[in-house]
């Protein structure tokens, strides 16, 4: 009897342990980024992991291809489907190419959202923008103007890939709003594919081809850092400036060298946190994510989904010599 009792207790303990292990990851969320090894997305993952810990019972699978291609992301998405995740939150390298794979995920009952860089509406429930696209476009133009004497002169854009949803939207907004900045002349747009070495070469090349360019605007954290290094390496500090969207931890040196006076970004930690919160609420059935709905996102409060099926997190914030030391220690 004693032996039977011990066995029964042992079995009960084992079952309890198994149940505890299962409850530790009741919900699995695949956080798919444009590419691994990118500081912006590493910071977003910090926020995602923060949200997972706060919510409890959530495992965030941080993943993405090694290069910024749609093909690489499709492989990652198919792998997540095979793993049986409950939700996929993707920052897309192509708005259309991912749709078939994401539709397949949705057919399996997986909740799909895009964040940062969106996919076409038929491939997701909603898109979480880091900020208003109009505001981002205006901010980039304002930054360019503030780096030019008298707010007038030639500038160029160094972007990510030609198919990158968010950068293309922001560039389109910049072009639409150029009429409000009569002193600015956009000379050219080049693409570094969000690769440090290619972005460096593209920035170097555009300055050689367009010697009158005084400002490079890069709406990508990889590009803005690479262009800043070109300005520093070529002895162009004070003659050419770089600005756009960057991470304080990466751009602190450019501020101090004078390659840039100021740049902007939202908090990628908050973005990853918010995307995870939204994915969780969808899985739990707390929201359907349809236009007009308001979604609880923890410490970020509530985010409202607009009529276009998109939501915006926060306005961009400007970083310069007055605050770079403070924020470079955060992200």
Protein backbone atom coordinates (compact mmCIF):
# COMPACT_ATOMS: atom_id res chain seq x y z
CA UNK A 1 0.00 0.00 0.00
CA UNK A 2 2.82 2.36 0.88
CA UNK A 3 4.47 1.64 -2.46
CA UNK A 4 1.21 2.20 -4.32
CA UNK A 5 0.67 5.46 -2.45
CA UNK A 6 4.18 6.64 -3.32
CA UNK A 7 3.61 5.74 -6.95
CA UNK A 8 0.31 7.59 -7.00
CA UNK A 9 1.94 10.67 -5.47
CA UNK A 10 4.77 10.44 -7.98
CA UNK A 11 2.37 10.21 -10.91
CA UNK A 12 0.33 13.12 -9.59
CA UNK A 13 3.50 15.18 -9.18
CA UNK A 14 4.60 14.36 -12.73
CA UNK A 15 1.20 15.32 -14.13
CA UNK A 16 1.30 18.57 -12.19
CA UNK A 17 4.77 19.32 -13.53
CA UNK A 18 3.63 18.59 -17.08
CA UNK A 19 0.63 20.85 -16.66
CA UNK A 20 2.86 23.58 -15.29
CA UNK A 21 5.19 23.26 -18.25
CA UNK A 22 2.31 23.47 -20.70
CA UNK A 23 0.83 26.54 -19.00
CA UNK A 24 4.20 28.28 -19.22
CA UNK A 25 3.65 28.64 -22.98
CA UNK A 26 -0.06 28.33 -23.63
CA UNK A 27 0.18 30.91 -26.41
CA UNK A 28 2.99 31.05 -28.95
CA UNK A 29 3.51 34.21 -30.98
CA UNK A 30 5.90 34.33 -33.90
CA UNK A 31 7.56 37.75 -34.13
CA UNK A 32 8.86 37.86 -37.70
CA UNK A 33 11.28 40.65 -38.58
CA UNK A 34 12.75 41.85 -41.86
CA UNK A 35 16.14 40.38 -41.00
CA UNK A 36 18.03 39.20 -37.96
CA UNK A 37 21.01 41.17 -36.66
CA UNK A 38 19.23 44.53 -37.01
CA UNK A 39 19.42 46.70 -33.88
CA UNK A 40 15.93 48.12 -34.40
CA UNK A 41 14.34 44.67 -34.40
CA UNK A 42 16.51 43.45 -31.54
CA UNK A 43 15.10 46.34 -29.51
CA UNK A 44 11.55 45.46 -30.65
CA UNK A 45 12.14 41.92 -29.41
CA UNK A 46 13.01 43.29 -25.97
CA UNK A 47 9.57 44.86 -25.85
CA UNK A 48 7.93 41.68 -27.11
CA UNK A 49 9.60 39.62 -24.40
CA UNK A 50 8.56 42.22 -21.82
CA UNK A 51 4.94 41.87 -22.93
CA UNK A 52 5.16 38.06 -22.87
CA UNK A 53 6.45 38.10 -19.30
CA UNK A 54 3.80 40.58 -18.23
CA UNK A 55 0.94 38.62 -19.81
CA UNK A 56 2.12 35.22 -18.61
CA UNK A 57 1.76 31.93 -20.45
CA UNK A 58 3.14 33.47 -23.64
CA UNK A 59 6.20 32.45 -25.65
CA UNK A 60 7.48 34.89 -28.26
CA UNK A 61 9.47 33.21 -31.02
CA UNK A 62 11.76 35.94 -32.38
CA UNK A 63 12.70 35.00 -35.92
CA UNK A 64 13.41 36.22 -39.43
CA UNK A 65 15.64 35.64 -42.45
CA UNK A 66 19.33 36.52 -42.56
CA UNK A 67 18.73 38.94 -45.45
CA UNK A 68 15.87 41.28 -46.29
CA UNK A 69 13.97 39.12 -48.77
CA UNK A 70 10.35 38.07 -49.08
CA UNK A 71 11.48 34.54 -49.93
CA UNK A 72 13.32 34.26 -46.64
CA UNK A 73 10.29 35.47 -44.70
CA UNK A 74 8.00 33.02 -46.47
CA UNK A 75 10.24 30.16 -45.31
CA UNK A 76 10.09 31.50 -41.77
CA UNK A 77 6.29 31.84 -41.87
CA UNK A 78 5.87 28.28 -43.16
CA UNK A 79 8.10 27.07 -40.34
CA UNK A 80 5.97 28.89 -37.76
CA UNK A 81 2.81 27.33 -39.25
CA UNK A 82 4.41 23.89 -38.88
CA UNK A 83 5.26 24.70 -35.26
CA UNK A 84 1.60 25.45 -34.56
CA UNK A 85 1.96 29.00 -33.30
CA UNK A 86 -1.17 30.85 -32.25
CA UNK A 87 -0.27 34.18 -33.82
CA UNK A 88 2.17 35.70 -36.28
CA UNK A 89 3.22 39.35 -36.15
CA UNK A 90 5.33 40.26 -39.17
CA UNK A 91 7.29 43.30 -40.36
CA UNK A 92 7.15 42.62 -44.08
CA UNK A 93 9.85 42.83 -46.72
CA UNK A 94 7.14 42.84 -49.41
CA UNK A 95 3.47 43.81 -49.00
CA UNK A 96 2.12 41.30 -51.50
CA UNK A 97 4.54 38.36 -51.74
CA UNK A 98 3.83 37.22 -48.16
CA UNK A 99 0.05 37.17 -48.57
CA UNK A 100 -0.38 33.53 -49.75
CA UNK A 101 1.70 32.19 -46.84
CA UNK A 102 -0.13 34.39 -44.36
CA UNK A 103 -3.51 33.32 -45.77
CA UNK A 104 -2.41 29.74 -45.24
CA UNK A 105 -1.64 30.62 -41.62
CA UNK A 106 -5.04 32.24 -41.15
CA UNK A 107 -6.76 29.14 -42.58
CA UNK A 108 -5.02 27.16 -39.83
CA UNK A 109 -6.58 29.43 -37.23
CA UNK A 110 -3.45 31.53 -36.67
CA UNK A 111 -4.08 35.20 -35.93
CA UNK A 112 -1.99 37.35 -38.30
CA UNK A 113 -1.05 40.99 -37.94
CA UNK A 114 1.63 43.10 -39.52
CA UNK A 115 3.60 45.77 -37.70
CA UNK A 116 6.22 48.36 -38.67
CA UNK A 117 6.17 47.38 -42.37
CA UNK A 118 2.74 46.21 -43.45
CA UNK A 119 1.33 43.52 -45.68
CA UNK A 120 -1.68 43.92 -47.97
CA UNK A 121 -5.02 43.91 -46.07
CA UNK A 122 -6.01 40.49 -47.42
CA UNK A 123 -3.00 38.98 -45.67
CA UNK A 124 -3.60 40.22 -42.14
CA UNK A 125 -6.18 41.32 -39.58
CA UNK A 126 -4.62 44.72 -38.95
CA UNK A 127 -1.43 46.74 -39.41
CA UNK A 128 0.28 48.47 -36.48
CA UNK A 129 2.15 51.52 -37.72
CA UNK A 130 4.83 52.95 -35.44
CA UNK A 131 3.36 56.41 -36.05
CA UNK A 132 1.19 58.31 -38.50
CA UNK A 133 2.69 57.93 -41.97
CA UNK A 134 1.92 61.58 -42.72
CA UNK A 135 3.77 62.69 -39.60
CA UNK A 136 6.79 60.53 -40.43
CA UNK A 137 7.00 62.01 -43.92
CA UNK A 138 6.70 65.54 -42.57
CA UNK A 139 9.27 64.83 -39.85
CA UNK A 140 11.84 63.62 -42.39
CA UNK A 141 11.39 66.78 -44.47
CA UNK A 142 11.59 68.98 -41.38
CA UNK A 143 14.83 67.29 -40.35
CA UNK A 144 16.27 67.84 -43.84
CA UNK A 145 15.27 71.51 -43.77
CA UNK A 146 16.77 72.05 -40.32
CA UNK A 147 20.15 70.77 -41.52
CA UNK A 148 20.32 73.20 -44.47
CA UNK A 149 21.40 76.84 -44.33
CA UNK A 150 18.24 78.87 -44.63
CA UNK A 151 16.27 75.66 -45.02
CA UNK A 152 17.15 75.52 -48.70
CA UNK A 153 19.21 73.11 -50.80
CA UNK A 154 19.55 69.70 -52.39
CA UNK A 155 18.91 66.48 -50.47
CA UNK A 156 18.79 62.80 -51.34
CA UNK A 157 17.09 59.76 -49.82
CA UNK A 158 18.84 56.53 -48.85
CA UNK A 159 16.15 53.90 -48.30
CA UNK A 160 15.98 50.18 -47.54
CA UNK A 161 14.64 47.85 -50.27
CA UNK A 162 12.57 48.85 -53.28
CA UNK A 163 9.69 46.68 -51.97
CA UNK A 164 9.82 47.77 -48.31
CA UNK A 165 6.26 48.78 -47.46
CA UNK A 166 6.91 51.33 -44.74
CA UNK A 167 9.85 53.12 -46.36
CA UNK A 168 7.95 53.41 -49.65
CA UNK A 169 4.94 54.91 -47.89
CA UNK A 170 7.13 57.41 -46.01
CA UNK A 171 8.99 58.43 -49.16
CA UNK A 172 5.66 58.88 -50.93
CA UNK A 173 4.51 61.10 -48.08
CA UNK A 174 7.72 63.12 -48.32
CA UNK A 175 7.15 63.69 -52.04
CA UNK A 176 3.52 64.67 -51.48
CA UNK A 177 4.49 67.20 -48.82
CA UNK A 178 7.49 68.71 -50.64
CA UNK A 179 5.21 71.52 -51.82
CA UNK A 180 5.10 72.68 -48.20
CA UNK A 181 8.91 72.89 -48.13
CA UNK A 182 9.68 75.14 -51.14
CA UNK A 183 13.38 75.38 -50.29
CA UNK A 184 14.00 71.63 -50.53
CA UNK A 185 15.02 69.92 -53.76
CA UNK A 186 14.95 66.10 -53.83
CA UNK A 187 17.71 64.99 -56.18
CA UNK A 188 17.56 61.19 -56.06
CA UNK A 189 16.56 58.11 -54.08
CA UNK A 190 18.89 55.13 -53.71
CA UNK A 191 18.42 51.77 -51.98
CA UNK A 192 20.81 49.98 -49.64
CA UNK A 193 18.57 46.96 -48.99
CA UNK A 194 18.97 47.50 -45.22
CA UNK A 195 22.48 46.04 -45.51
CA UNK A 196 25.25 48.04 -43.88
CA UNK A 197 27.86 47.53 -46.60
CA UNK A 198 25.50 48.20 -49.51
CA UNK A 199 24.01 51.24 -47.77
CA UNK A 200 27.53 52.60 -47.26
CA UNK A 201 28.35 52.13 -50.95
CA UNK A 202 25.09 53.69 -52.10
CA UNK A 203 25.60 56.74 -49.87
CA UNK A 204 29.18 57.09 -51.09
CA UNK A 205 28.06 56.75 -54.70
CA UNK A 206 25.25 59.29 -54.52
CA UNK A 207 27.59 61.90 -53.02
CA UNK A 208 30.08 61.36 -55.84
CA UNK A 209 27.36 61.60 -58.48
CA UNK A 210 25.60 64.54 -56.84
CA UNK A 211 28.20 66.83 -55.25
CA UNK A 212 25.57 69.49 -54.52
CA UNK A 213 23.70 67.22 -52.11
CA UNK A 214 24.06 68.63 -48.62
CA UNK A 215 21.75 66.29 -46.70
CA UNK A 216 21.06 62.56 -46.91
CA UNK A 217 17.73 61.52 -45.39
CA UNK A 218 17.59 57.83 -44.50
CA UNK A 219 14.21 56.54 -43.23
CA UNK A 220 15.95 53.36 -42.06
CA UNK A 221 18.16 52.75 -39.04
CA UNK A 222 20.68 50.79 -41.09
CA UNK A 223 20.92 53.46 -43.77
CA UNK A 224 21.20 56.46 -41.48
CA UNK A 225 24.09 54.85 -39.59
CA UNK A 226 25.90 53.78 -42.78
CA UNK A 227 25.54 57.23 -44.37
CA UNK A 228 26.84 58.88 -41.20
CA UNK A 229 29.95 56.73 -41.40
CA UNK A 230 30.51 57.78 -45.02
CA UNK A 231 30.37 61.45 -44.00
CA UNK A 232 32.84 60.80 -41.19
CA UNK A 233 35.19 58.60 -43.22
CA UNK A 234 35.32 61.00 -46.19
CA UNK A 235 35.98 64.10 -44.08
CA UNK A 236 32.63 65.66 -45.01
CA UNK A 237 31.47 66.58 -41.50
CA UNK A 238 30.10 70.10 -41.62
CA UNK A 239 29.72 69.95 -45.42
CA UNK A 240 27.19 67.13 -45.69
CA UNK A 241 24.74 66.07 -43.01
CA UNK A 242 22.80 62.87 -42.44
CA UNK A 243 19.41 62.59 -40.77
CA UNK A 244 16.31 60.42 -40.77
CA UNK A 245 15.24 57.55 -38.54
CA UNK A 246 17.90 56.07 -36.25
CA UNK A 247 18.53 54.38 -32.93
CA UNK A 248 20.05 56.56 -30.19
CA UNK A 249 22.46 53.77 -29.16
CA UNK A 250 23.81 53.59 -32.73
CA UNK A 251 23.67 57.29 -33.62
CA UNK A 252 25.26 58.78 -30.50
CA UNK A 253 28.65 58.83 -32.22
CA UNK A 254 27.23 60.62 -35.27
CA UNK A 255 25.73 63.31 -33.06
CA UNK A 256 29.05 63.83 -31.30
CA UNK A 257 31.09 63.82 -34.53
CA UNK A 258 28.75 66.33 -36.16
CA UNK A 259 27.70 64.02 -38.99
CA UNK A 260 24.13 64.69 -37.86
CA UNK A 261 22.59 67.41 -35.75
CA UNK A 262 19.42 65.50 -34.99
CA UNK A 263 17.34 62.52 -36.08
CA UNK A 264 14.05 60.92 -35.06
CA UNK A 265 12.54 57.56 -34.18
CA UNK A 266 9.77 56.07 -32.08
CA UNK A 267 10.63 53.61 -29.37
CA UNK A 268 11.09 50.16 -31.00
CA UNK A 269 10.77 48.54 -27.58
CA UNK A 270 7.25 49.97 -27.33
CA UNK A 271 6.50 48.82 -30.87
CA UNK A 272 7.45 45.19 -30.19
CA UNK A 273 5.58 45.35 -26.89
CA UNK A 274 2.41 46.69 -28.56
CA UNK A 275 2.50 44.15 -31.41
CA UNK A 276 2.74 41.29 -28.91
CA UNK A 277 -0.08 42.69 -26.80
CA UNK A 278 -2.34 42.99 -29.85
CA UNK A 279 -1.54 39.48 -31.06
CA UNK A 280 -2.30 38.12 -27.59
CA UNK A 281 -5.66 39.92 -27.37
CA UNK A 282 -6.64 38.51 -30.77
CA UNK A 283 -5.76 34.96 -29.74
CA UNK A 284 -7.69 35.31 -26.49
CA UNK A 285 -10.73 36.63 -28.35
CA UNK A 286 -10.70 39.93 -26.47
CA UNK A 287 -10.86 41.83 -29.77
CA UNK A 288 -11.50 41.08 -33.42
CA UNK A 289 -9.20 43.87 -34.57
CA UNK A 290 -11.78 45.25 -36.99
CA UNK A 291 -11.90 48.95 -37.93
CA UNK A 292 -13.21 51.05 -35.07
CA UNK A 293 -12.17 48.62 -32.36
CA UNK A 294 -10.04 49.72 -29.41
CA UNK A 295 -7.41 47.30 -28.16
CA UNK A 296 -5.84 47.23 -24.71
CA UNK A 297 -2.05 47.23 -24.99
CA UNK A 298 -0.84 47.13 -21.41
CA UNK A 299 1.31 50.07 -20.35
CA UNK A 300 0.72 51.72 -23.75
CA UNK A 301 -2.97 52.19 -22.97
CA UNK A 302 -5.42 51.69 -25.83
CA UNK A 303 -4.82 51.70 -29.57
CA UNK A 304 -7.70 52.35 -31.96
CA UNK A 305 -7.93 50.64 -35.35
CA UNK A 306 -8.77 53.10 -38.12
CA UNK A 307 -11.19 52.66 -41.00
CA UNK A 308 -8.31 51.43 -43.18
CA UNK A 309 -7.55 48.55 -40.80
CA UNK A 310 -4.44 50.29 -39.52
CA UNK A 311 -3.49 51.62 -36.11
CA UNK A 312 -0.74 54.06 -35.10
CA UNK A 313 1.33 53.83 -31.94
CA UNK A 314 2.97 57.23 -31.24
CA UNK A 315 4.50 60.34 -32.79
CA UNK A 316 8.20 60.30 -33.75
CA UNK A 317 10.57 61.80 -31.19
CA UNK A 318 13.61 63.94 -32.04
CA UNK A 319 17.05 63.11 -30.63
CA UNK A 320 19.94 65.56 -30.55
CA UNK A 321 22.92 66.62 -28.41
CA UNK A 322 20.60 67.64 -25.56
CA UNK A 323 19.18 64.17 -24.96
CA UNK A 324 21.30 61.59 -26.82
CA UNK A 325 23.29 60.49 -23.78
CA UNK A 326 20.08 59.78 -21.87
CA UNK A 327 18.37 57.72 -24.55
CA UNK A 328 21.43 55.95 -25.99
CA UNK A 329 21.47 53.85 -22.83
CA UNK A 330 17.88 52.69 -23.44
CA UNK A 331 17.79 51.53 -27.08
